[in-house]
N, C-alpha and C. Protein backbone atom coordinates (compact mmCIF):
# COMPACT_ATOMS: atom_id res chain seq x y z
N MET A 1 7.63 55.34 8.62
CA MET A 1 6.81 54.15 8.46
C MET A 1 7.72 52.95 8.22
N ASN A 2 7.35 51.84 8.83
CA ASN A 2 8.10 50.60 8.66
C ASN A 2 7.37 49.75 7.61
N LYS A 3 7.71 49.99 6.35
CA LYS A 3 7.01 49.29 5.28
C LYS A 3 7.32 47.80 5.26
N ALA A 4 8.49 47.39 5.71
CA ALA A 4 8.82 45.96 5.74
C ALA A 4 7.90 45.22 6.71
N MET A 5 7.61 45.84 7.84
CA MET A 5 6.72 45.19 8.81
C MET A 5 5.29 45.13 8.28
N LEU A 6 4.85 46.20 7.62
CA LEU A 6 3.51 46.17 7.02
C LEU A 6 3.43 45.08 5.96
N LYS A 7 4.44 45.00 5.11
CA LYS A 7 4.44 43.98 4.06
C LYS A 7 4.48 42.57 4.65
N SER A 8 5.17 42.40 5.78
CA SER A 8 5.20 41.08 6.41
C SER A 8 3.82 40.71 6.95
N LYS A 9 3.11 41.69 7.51
CA LYS A 9 1.74 41.44 7.98
C LYS A 9 0.82 41.12 6.81
N MET A 10 0.99 41.85 5.72
CA MET A 10 0.19 41.56 4.53
C MET A 10 0.41 40.12 4.09
N CYS A 11 1.65 39.71 4.03
CA CYS A 11 2.00 38.35 3.60
C CYS A 11 1.43 37.32 4.57
N LEU A 12 1.56 37.58 5.85
CA LEU A 12 1.06 36.66 6.88
C LEU A 12 -0.44 36.43 6.74
N PHE A 13 -1.16 37.47 6.34
CA PHE A 13 -2.61 37.35 6.20
C PHE A 13 -3.04 37.05 4.76
N GLY A 14 -2.06 36.78 3.88
CA GLY A 14 -2.37 36.38 2.52
C GLY A 14 -2.81 37.53 1.63
N ASP A 15 -2.47 38.75 2.01
CA ASP A 15 -2.85 39.91 1.23
C ASP A 15 -1.78 40.28 0.21
N THR A 16 -2.23 40.84 -0.88
CA THR A 16 -1.35 41.47 -1.86
C THR A 16 -1.64 42.97 -1.80
N GLN A 17 -0.83 43.75 -2.50
CA GLN A 17 -1.15 45.19 -2.54
C GLN A 17 -2.52 45.40 -3.16
N GLN A 18 -2.87 44.59 -4.15
CA GLN A 18 -4.17 44.73 -4.79
C GLN A 18 -5.31 44.45 -3.81
N SER A 19 -5.20 43.36 -3.04
CA SER A 19 -6.30 43.03 -2.12
C SER A 19 -6.41 44.05 -0.99
N LEU A 20 -5.27 44.55 -0.49
CA LEU A 20 -5.34 45.58 0.55
C LEU A 20 -5.88 46.88 -0.03
N ALA A 21 -5.44 47.24 -1.22
CA ALA A 21 -5.95 48.45 -1.87
C ALA A 21 -7.47 48.36 -2.06
N ASP A 22 -7.94 47.20 -2.49
CA ASP A 22 -9.39 47.01 -2.66
C ASP A 22 -10.12 47.19 -1.32
N ALA A 23 -9.57 46.62 -0.26
CA ALA A 23 -10.19 46.71 1.06
C ALA A 23 -10.24 48.15 1.56
N LEU A 24 -9.23 48.94 1.18
CA LEU A 24 -9.17 50.34 1.62
C LEU A 24 -9.82 51.30 0.61
N HIS A 25 -10.35 50.75 -0.48
CA HIS A 25 -10.96 51.54 -1.55
C HIS A 25 -9.97 52.53 -2.15
N LEU A 26 -8.75 52.03 -2.40
CA LEU A 26 -7.69 52.80 -3.03
C LEU A 26 -7.24 52.09 -4.29
N SER A 27 -6.61 52.85 -5.18
CA SER A 27 -5.95 52.20 -6.31
C SER A 27 -4.65 51.60 -5.79
N THR A 28 -4.12 50.63 -6.51
CA THR A 28 -2.84 50.05 -6.07
C THR A 28 -1.73 51.10 -6.13
N GLY A 29 -1.80 52.00 -7.09
CA GLY A 29 -0.81 53.06 -7.19
C GLY A 29 -0.84 53.98 -5.98
N ARG A 30 -2.04 54.31 -5.53
CA ARG A 30 -2.18 55.19 -4.36
C ARG A 30 -1.72 54.47 -3.10
N LEU A 31 -2.07 53.19 -2.96
CA LEU A 31 -1.60 52.42 -1.81
C LEU A 31 -0.08 52.36 -1.80
N ASN A 32 0.52 52.08 -2.95
CA ASN A 32 1.97 52.01 -3.05
C ASN A 32 2.61 53.33 -2.67
N ALA A 33 2.02 54.44 -3.10
CA ALA A 33 2.54 55.76 -2.74
C ALA A 33 2.50 55.97 -1.23
N LYS A 34 1.43 55.51 -0.59
CA LYS A 34 1.31 55.66 0.86
C LYS A 34 2.31 54.77 1.59
N ILE A 35 2.48 53.55 1.13
CA ILE A 35 3.45 52.64 1.75
C ILE A 35 4.86 53.21 1.65
N ASN A 36 5.17 53.79 0.49
CA ASN A 36 6.52 54.33 0.26
C ASN A 36 6.66 55.80 0.65
N GLU A 37 5.56 56.37 1.16
CA GLU A 37 5.53 57.78 1.55
C GLU A 37 6.02 58.69 0.43
N TYR A 38 5.60 58.35 -0.78
CA TYR A 38 6.01 59.08 -1.97
C TYR A 38 5.37 60.47 -1.98
N GLN A 39 6.20 61.48 -2.10
CA GLN A 39 5.77 62.88 -2.13
C GLN A 39 4.81 63.21 -0.99
N GLY A 40 5.12 62.70 0.19
CA GLY A 40 4.33 63.03 1.38
C GLY A 40 3.04 62.26 1.56
N ALA A 41 2.78 61.29 0.71
CA ALA A 41 1.56 60.49 0.85
C ALA A 41 1.60 59.73 2.16
N SER A 42 0.47 59.68 2.85
CA SER A 42 0.40 58.94 4.11
C SER A 42 -1.01 58.40 4.30
N PHE A 43 -1.11 57.41 5.16
CA PHE A 43 -2.40 56.81 5.46
C PHE A 43 -3.23 57.75 6.32
N THR A 44 -4.53 57.76 6.06
CA THR A 44 -5.45 58.53 6.89
C THR A 44 -5.72 57.74 8.17
N GLN A 45 -6.32 58.39 9.14
CA GLN A 45 -6.66 57.70 10.38
C GLN A 45 -7.63 56.54 10.12
N ASP A 46 -8.59 56.75 9.23
CA ASP A 46 -9.54 55.68 8.91
C ASP A 46 -8.84 54.49 8.25
N GLU A 47 -7.88 54.76 7.39
CA GLU A 47 -7.13 53.69 6.72
C GLU A 47 -6.27 52.93 7.73
N ILE A 48 -5.63 53.66 8.64
CA ILE A 48 -4.83 53.01 9.68
C ILE A 48 -5.72 52.12 10.53
N TYR A 49 -6.88 52.62 10.92
CA TYR A 49 -7.80 51.83 11.73
C TYR A 49 -8.24 50.57 10.98
N ALA A 50 -8.51 50.70 9.68
CA ALA A 50 -8.91 49.53 8.89
C ALA A 50 -7.79 48.49 8.82
N ILE A 51 -6.55 48.95 8.70
CA ILE A 51 -5.41 48.04 8.66
C ILE A 51 -5.22 47.38 10.03
N ILE A 52 -5.37 48.13 11.10
CA ILE A 52 -5.28 47.57 12.45
C ILE A 52 -6.30 46.45 12.61
N SER A 53 -7.52 46.71 12.19
CA SER A 53 -8.58 45.71 12.32
C SER A 53 -8.33 44.50 11.42
N ARG A 54 -7.90 44.76 10.21
CA ARG A 54 -7.69 43.68 9.23
C ARG A 54 -6.61 42.71 9.69
N TYR A 55 -5.54 43.24 10.29
CA TYR A 55 -4.41 42.41 10.70
C TYR A 55 -4.32 42.19 12.20
N ASN A 56 -5.35 42.59 12.94
CA ASN A 56 -5.38 42.41 14.39
C ASN A 56 -4.10 42.92 15.05
N LEU A 57 -3.69 44.12 14.68
CA LEU A 57 -2.43 44.67 15.18
C LEU A 57 -2.54 45.09 16.65
N THR A 58 -1.49 44.82 17.37
CA THR A 58 -1.41 45.32 18.74
C THR A 58 -1.04 46.80 18.69
N SER A 59 -1.15 47.47 19.81
CA SER A 59 -0.77 48.89 19.83
C SER A 59 0.72 49.05 19.55
N GLU A 60 1.53 48.10 20.02
CA GLU A 60 2.97 48.16 19.75
C GLU A 60 3.25 47.97 18.26
N GLU A 61 2.59 47.01 17.64
CA GLU A 61 2.77 46.80 16.20
C GLU A 61 2.32 48.02 15.41
N THR A 62 1.21 48.61 15.83
CA THR A 62 0.70 49.81 15.17
C THR A 62 1.72 50.94 15.23
N MET A 63 2.29 51.16 16.40
CA MET A 63 3.29 52.20 16.55
C MET A 63 4.52 51.87 15.69
N ASP A 64 4.94 50.62 15.70
CA ASP A 64 6.12 50.22 14.93
C ASP A 64 5.91 50.40 13.43
N ILE A 65 4.72 50.11 12.96
CA ILE A 65 4.46 50.20 11.52
C ILE A 65 4.27 51.66 11.08
N PHE A 66 3.36 52.35 11.74
CA PHE A 66 2.93 53.65 11.23
C PHE A 66 3.69 54.85 11.79
N PHE A 67 4.38 54.67 12.90
CA PHE A 67 5.03 55.82 13.52
C PHE A 67 6.52 55.59 13.75
N SER A 68 7.09 54.73 12.92
CA SER A 68 8.51 54.43 12.96
C SER A 68 9.25 55.31 11.96
N SER A 69 10.49 55.59 12.24
CA SER A 69 11.28 56.41 11.31
C SER A 69 12.07 55.56 10.32
N ARG A 70 11.79 54.27 10.26
CA ARG A 70 12.49 53.37 9.34
C ARG A 70 12.07 53.60 7.92
């Protein structure tokens, strides 16, 4: 996962971890774990779709954010 790119999109759209966590119905701790892939935590398909919609991500951006080895 490319967390830097996700964080840049969050910033571009004026989101904080708290506001994105609220939108995804997650705690900020759980969102942070997913962003950092802590102990195998990862976004569900529904969460990825919600983030795609929220930030109007292109398919290339989606691949770069969620399926990158960075």
